[in-house]
Amino acid sequence: MKKSLQLIPLALAFTSAFGAIEPAPFPFDVNQLSGVWADSVDIDSACAMKNWHFRYEFSIDRKRLAIKFDREIDSGAAGKVSHMDATILSATARTITLRYDGEQRMNSLGKHFEWQLAIVAPGVYRWRATDWRVGEVNAVVGIQCSEN
């Protein structure tokens, strides 16, 4: 017990000398996904009112992402939803890699799908599964409909 108490001043001195270790900054500027968005899979206007629109909301710690829709949508396996939540696995300046909560689909490697959203131009993104070849994307094009 006495030896443990002797280590406390040493630990405090070490902490004050070197400070707390700061987490690495989140490399993706979340403002790139601000505003209202819509998905396009054809030549029709993505932002038309007949299409559903959504917002991206990041948790303060940047570990979670919520996608909030303007109406209920049919998400497939999860049925009708008004939002989808995901865990952010990694990020770069132009990409976010995530796994949707409750994802049950398996990829070609036998693991649950992980998705990468890649900003390709201001107000435009593409989706790809992480097990696809580099540069391969799906047909969905994300379009920013408004900045607020």
Protein backbone atom coordinates (compact mmCIF):
# COMPACT_ATOMS: atom_id res chain seq x y z
CA MET A 1 0.00 0.00 0.00
CA LYS A 2 2.81 2.42 0.93
CA LYS A 3 4.57 1.73 -2.39
CA SER A 4 1.31 2.43 -4.28
CA LEU A 5 0.94 5.77 -2.53
CA GLN A 6 4.53 6.68 -3.42
CA LEU A 7 3.71 6.21 -7.12
CA ILE A 8 0.88 8.76 -7.09
CA PRO A 9 3.15 11.86 -7.07
CA LEU A 10 5.22 10.29 -9.85
CA ALA A 11 2.11 9.69 -11.96
CA LEU A 12 0.91 13.25 -11.36
CA ALA A 13 4.30 14.66 -12.31
CA PHE A 14 4.36 12.59 -15.52
CA THR A 15 0.86 13.74 -16.47
CA SER A 16 1.61 17.41 -15.86
CA ALA A 17 4.94 17.21 -17.70
CA PHE A 18 3.56 15.58 -20.82
CA GLY A 19 -0.10 16.63 -20.68
CA ALA A 20 -3.02 14.58 -21.81
CA ILE A 21 -2.70 12.78 -25.11
CA GLU A 22 -4.97 14.50 -27.59
CA PRO A 23 -6.96 12.32 -29.97
CA ALA A 24 -6.10 12.71 -33.63
CA PRO A 25 -8.35 15.26 -35.33
CA PHE A 26 -11.18 13.86 -37.45
CA PRO A 27 -9.84 14.17 -41.02
CA PHE A 28 -13.24 14.50 -42.73
CA ASP A 29 -14.76 17.99 -42.70
CA VAL A 30 -18.37 17.22 -41.73
CA ASN A 31 -19.49 20.46 -43.40
CA GLN A 32 -19.04 18.60 -46.70
CA LEU A 33 -22.28 16.77 -45.80
CA SER A 34 -24.23 19.71 -44.40
CA GLY A 35 -27.68 20.62 -45.63
CA VAL A 36 -30.32 18.57 -47.40
CA TRP A 37 -29.38 15.67 -49.68
CA ALA A 38 -31.08 13.31 -52.10
CA ASP A 39 -29.96 10.24 -54.03
CA SER A 40 -30.12 9.93 -57.77
CA VAL A 41 -30.05 6.68 -59.73
CA ASP A 42 -31.24 8.03 -63.09
CA ILE A 43 -31.41 11.25 -65.12
CA ASP A 44 -34.40 12.67 -63.21
CA SER A 45 -33.74 15.55 -60.83
CA ALA A 46 -32.63 14.10 -57.50
CA CYS A 47 -33.91 17.13 -55.60
CA ALA A 48 -37.49 16.94 -56.92
CA MET A 49 -40.02 16.99 -54.08
CA LYS A 50 -41.34 13.54 -55.06
CA ASN A 51 -37.99 12.06 -53.96
CA TRP A 52 -37.08 11.60 -50.33
CA HIS A 53 -34.51 13.94 -48.85
CA PHE A 54 -32.26 13.53 -45.85
CA ARG A 55 -29.68 15.12 -43.56
CA TYR A 56 -26.46 13.69 -42.16
CA GLU A 57 -25.86 14.22 -38.44
CA PHE A 58 -22.51 13.37 -36.87
CA SER A 59 -22.09 12.65 -33.17
CA ILE A 60 -19.83 15.08 -31.31
CA ASP A 61 -17.09 12.44 -31.03
CA ARG A 62 -17.43 11.63 -34.78
CA LYS A 63 -17.89 7.91 -34.07
CA ARG A 64 -21.55 7.78 -35.14
CA LEU A 65 -23.57 8.99 -38.09
CA ALA A 66 -27.34 9.39 -38.30
CA ILE A 67 -29.13 9.74 -41.62
CA LYS A 68 -32.50 11.43 -41.01
CA PHE A 69 -35.11 11.21 -43.78
CA ASP A 70 -37.91 13.68 -44.46
CA ARG A 71 -40.41 10.77 -44.54
CA GLU A 72 -40.49 7.03 -43.91
CA ILE A 73 -38.66 5.04 -46.55
CA ASP A 74 -38.52 1.34 -47.30
CA SER A 75 -34.97 0.35 -46.42
CA GLY A 76 -35.28 -3.26 -47.50
CA ALA A 77 -34.39 -5.69 -44.73
CA ALA A 78 -35.08 -3.16 -41.93
CA GLY A 79 -38.50 -2.28 -43.34
CA LYS A 80 -39.88 1.26 -43.15
CA VAL A 81 -37.59 3.69 -41.32
CA SER A 82 -37.35 7.44 -40.80
CA HIS A 83 -33.64 7.33 -39.99
CA MET A 84 -30.64 5.03 -40.22
CA ASP A 85 -27.70 4.95 -37.83
CA ALA A 86 -24.16 3.81 -38.45
CA THR A 87 -20.79 3.46 -36.77
CA ILE A 88 -17.97 5.37 -38.44
CA LEU A 89 -15.06 2.97 -38.84
CA SER A 90 -12.56 5.32 -40.49
CA ALA A 91 -12.30 8.56 -42.39
CA THR A 92 -10.02 10.50 -44.72
CA ALA A 93 -10.33 14.06 -45.98
CA ARG A 94 -12.74 12.86 -48.72
CA THR A 95 -14.23 9.58 -47.44
CA ILE A 96 -16.13 8.06 -44.52
CA THR A 97 -16.22 4.29 -44.03
CA LEU A 98 -19.15 3.04 -41.98
CA ARG A 99 -21.24 0.06 -40.96
CA TYR A 100 -24.99 0.44 -40.62
CA ASP A 101 -26.54 -0.67 -37.34
CA GLY A 102 -28.23 -4.04 -37.79
CA GLU A 103 -26.51 -4.75 -41.12
CA GLN A 104 -27.10 -8.42 -41.87
CA ARG A 105 -25.90 -8.65 -45.48
CA MET A 106 -22.56 -10.35 -46.05
CA ASN A 107 -19.95 -9.24 -48.55
CA SER A 108 -17.74 -11.35 -50.79
CA LEU A 109 -15.33 -11.89 -47.88
CA GLY A 110 -18.06 -13.30 -45.63
CA LYS A 111 -18.15 -10.19 -43.41
CA HIS A 112 -20.95 -7.70 -42.81
CA PHE A 113 -21.04 -4.99 -45.46
CA GLU A 114 -19.05 -1.85 -44.78
CA TRP A 115 -19.77 1.16 -46.94
CA GLN A 116 -17.62 4.05 -48.03
CA LEU A 117 -19.09 7.43 -48.91
CA ALA A 118 -16.65 9.33 -51.14
CA ILE A 119 -16.96 13.04 -51.91
CA VAL A 120 -16.21 13.33 -55.65
CA ALA A 121 -16.97 17.06 -56.04
CA PRO A 122 -18.55 19.75 -53.86
CA GLY A 123 -22.15 18.65 -53.26
CA VAL A 124 -21.69 15.23 -54.90
CA TYR A 125 -20.77 11.84 -53.44
CA ARG A 126 -20.69 8.19 -54.49
CA TRP A 127 -21.08 4.96 -52.46
CA ARG A 128 -18.97 1.83 -52.65
CA ALA A 129 -18.67 -1.35 -50.61
CA THR A 130 -15.21 -1.74 -49.10
CA ASP A 131 -14.69 -5.19 -50.63
CA TRP A 132 -15.16 -3.89 -54.19
CA ARG A 133 -12.26 -3.06 -56.51
CA VAL A 134 -10.72 0.39 -56.05
CA GLY A 135 -12.72 2.92 -58.05
CA GLU A 136 -15.82 0.72 -58.32
CA VAL A 137 -19.01 2.45 -57.12
CA ASN A 138 -22.73 1.67 -57.16
CA ALA A 139 -25.32 3.51 -59.25
CA VAL A 140 -26.33 5.92 -56.46
CA VAL A 141 -25.12 9.51 -56.76
CA GLY A 142 -25.64 11.71 -53.70
CA ILE A 143 -26.64 15.28 -54.56
CA GLN A 144 -26.75 18.22 -52.16
CA CYS A 145 -30.10 19.95 -52.65
CA SER A 146 -29.52 22.82 -50.22
CA GLU A 147 -26.78 23.92 -47.86
CA ASN A 148 -29.02 24.51 -44.85
